[in-house]
């Protein structure tokens, strides 16, 4: 994220301060929208990997639970 913010030209900060924007408003209204295109490609792979890992873990857990249910039913029968 720091590299994306660093890619925004310093003139953007100066223009925002000249218009009377606060530090908080400058960041969220001017700097962040310009920094996101630089940052998103790096995070996109991480997000996809996280979603894939979550789906696989959920699938394995369901298989384990159903198998345990079969084992319990066979044991009681």
C-alpha atoms as a PDB file:
ATOM      1  CA  UNK A   1       0.000   0.000   0.000  1.00  0.00           C
ATOM      2  CA  UNK A   2       2.872   2.316   0.782  1.00  0.00           C
ATOM      3  CA  UNK A   3       4.285   1.907  -2.733  1.00  0.00           C
ATOM      4  CA  UNK A   4       0.917   2.758  -4.269  1.00  0.00           C
ATOM      5  CA  UNK A   5       0.626   5.929  -2.222  1.00  0.00           C
ATOM      6  CA  UNK A   6       4.222   6.798  -3.094  1.00  0.00           C
ATOM      7  CA  UNK A   7       3.362   6.555  -6.794  1.00  0.00           C
ATOM      8  CA  UNK A   8       0.957   9.496  -6.500  1.00  0.00           C
ATOM      9  CA  UNK A   9       2.580  12.798  -7.456  1.00  0.00           C
ATOM     10  CA  UNK A  10       3.330  15.283  -4.652  1.00  0.00           C
ATOM     11  CA  UNK A  11       1.464  17.944  -6.611  1.00  0.00           C
ATOM     12  CA  UNK A  12      -1.761  16.146  -5.719  1.00  0.00           C
ATOM     13  CA  UNK A  13      -1.100  16.741  -2.035  1.00  0.00           C
ATOM     14  CA  UNK A  14      -0.255  20.380  -2.644  1.00  0.00           C
ATOM     15  CA  UNK A  15      -3.395  20.922  -4.710  1.00  0.00           C
ATOM     16  CA  UNK A  16      -5.564  19.363  -2.012  1.00  0.00           C
ATOM     17  CA  UNK A  17      -4.042  21.515   0.702  1.00  0.00           C
ATOM     18  CA  UNK A  18      -4.470  24.601  -1.499  1.00  0.00           C
ATOM     19  CA  UNK A  19      -8.178  23.751  -1.744  1.00  0.00           C
ATOM     20  CA  UNK A  20      -8.397  23.481   2.053  1.00  0.00           C
ATOM     21  CA  UNK A  21      -8.701  19.705   2.417  1.00  0.00           C
ATOM     22  CA  UNK A  22      -7.655  18.170   5.727  1.00  0.00           C
ATOM     23  CA  UNK A  23      -5.055  15.375   5.852  1.00  0.00           C
ATOM     24  CA  UNK A  24      -7.746  12.729   6.341  1.00  0.00           C
ATOM     25  CA  UNK A  25      -9.949  14.032   3.537  1.00  0.00           C
ATOM     26  CA  UNK A  26      -6.964  14.444   1.204  1.00  0.00           C
ATOM     27  CA  UNK A  27      -5.991  10.822   1.651  1.00  0.00           C
ATOM     28  CA  UNK A  28      -9.425   9.269   1.234  1.00  0.00           C
ATOM     29  CA  UNK A  29     -10.783  11.550  -1.478  1.00  0.00           C
ATOM     30  CA  UNK A  30      -7.712  12.219  -3.637  1.00  0.00           C
ATOM     31  CA  UNK A  31      -4.722  10.002  -2.860  1.00  0.00           C
ATOM     32  CA  UNK A  32      -6.365   6.607  -2.216  1.00  0.00           C
ATOM     33  CA  UNK A  33      -8.396   6.495  -5.472  1.00  0.00           C
ATOM     34  CA  UNK A  34      -5.206   7.187  -7.439  1.00  0.00           C
ATOM     35  CA  UNK A  35      -3.160   4.663  -5.449  1.00  0.00           C
ATOM     36  CA  UNK A  36      -5.602   1.738  -5.767  1.00  0.00           C
ATOM     37  CA  UNK A  37      -4.792   0.889  -9.408  1.00  0.00           C
ATOM     38  CA  UNK A  38      -1.138   0.508  -8.373  1.00  0.00           C
ATOM     39  CA  UNK A  39      -1.971  -1.658  -5.362  1.00  0.00           C
ATOM     40  CA  UNK A  40      -4.811  -3.924  -6.538  1.00  0.00           C
ATOM     41  CA  UNK A  41      -2.808  -6.230  -8.849  1.00  0.00           C
ATOM     42  CA  UNK A  42      -0.564  -7.216  -5.950  1.00  0.00           C
ATOM     43  CA  UNK A  43      -3.469  -7.930  -3.624  1.00  0.00           C
ATOM     44  CA  UNK A  44      -5.623  -9.659  -6.238  1.00  0.00           C
ATOM     45  CA  UNK A  45      -3.493 -12.827  -6.140  1.00  0.00           C
ATOM     46  CA  UNK A  46      -3.582 -12.885  -2.355  1.00  0.00           C
ATOM     47  CA  UNK A  47      -7.355 -12.547  -2.273  1.00  0.00           C
ATOM     48  CA  UNK A  48      -7.859 -15.303  -4.855  1.00  0.00           C
ATOM     49  CA  UNK A  49      -5.537 -17.606  -2.922  1.00  0.00           C
ATOM     50  CA  UNK A  50      -7.395 -16.912   0.304  1.00  0.00           C
ATOM     51  CA  UNK A  51     -10.752 -17.677  -1.273  1.00  0.00           C
ATOM     52  CA  UNK A  52      -9.442 -20.905  -2.791  1.00  0.00           C
ATOM     53  CA  UNK A  53      -7.916 -22.038   0.484  1.00  0.00           C
ATOM     54  CA  UNK A  54     -11.121 -21.275   2.356  1.00  0.00           C
ATOM     55  CA  UNK A  55     -13.218 -23.270  -0.109  1.00  0.00           C
ATOM     56  CA  UNK A  56     -10.910 -26.279   0.105  1.00  0.00           C
ATOM     57  CA  UNK A  57     -10.886 -26.234   3.895  1.00  0.00           C
ATOM     58  CA  UNK A  58     -14.692 -26.091   3.956  1.00  0.00           C
ATOM     59  CA  UNK A  59     -14.950 -29.002   1.526  1.00  0.00           C
ATOM     60  CA  UNK A  60     -12.560 -31.144   3.553  1.00  0.00           C
ATOM     61  CA  UNK A  61     -14.413 -30.377   6.769  1.00  0.00           C
ATOM     62  CA  UNK A  62     -17.756 -31.418   5.242  1.00  0.00           C
ATOM     63  CA  UNK A  63     -16.268 -34.697   4.001  1.00  0.00           C
ATOM     64  CA  UNK A  64     -14.776 -35.408   7.407  1.00  0.00           C
ATOM     65  CA  UNK A  65     -18.042 -34.683   9.181  1.00  0.00           C
ATOM     66  CA  UNK A  66     -20.115 -36.852   6.870  1.00  0.00           C
ATOM     67  CA  UNK A  67     -17.607 -39.688   7.187  1.00  0.00           C
ATOM     68  CA  UNK A  68     -17.748 -39.430  10.976  1.00  0.00           C
ATOM     69  CA  UNK A  69     -21.548 -39.542  10.749  1.00  0.00           C
ATOM     70  CA  UNK A  70     -21.313 -42.773   8.702  1.00  0.00           C
ATOM     71  CA  UNK A  71     -18.906 -44.294  11.204  1.00  0.00           C
ATOM     72  CA  UNK A  72     -21.161 -43.443  14.161  1.00  0.00           C
ATOM     73  CA  UNK A  73     -24.244 -44.836  12.428  1.00  0.00           C
ATOM     74  CA  UNK A  74     -22.452 -48.069  11.508  1.00  0.00           C
ATOM     75  CA  UNK A  75     -21.128 -48.455  15.057  1.00  0.00           C
ATOM     76  CA  UNK A  76     -24.591 -48.038  16.608  1.00  0.00           C
ATOM     77  CA  UNK A  77     -26.262 -50.379  14.086  1.00  0.00           C
END
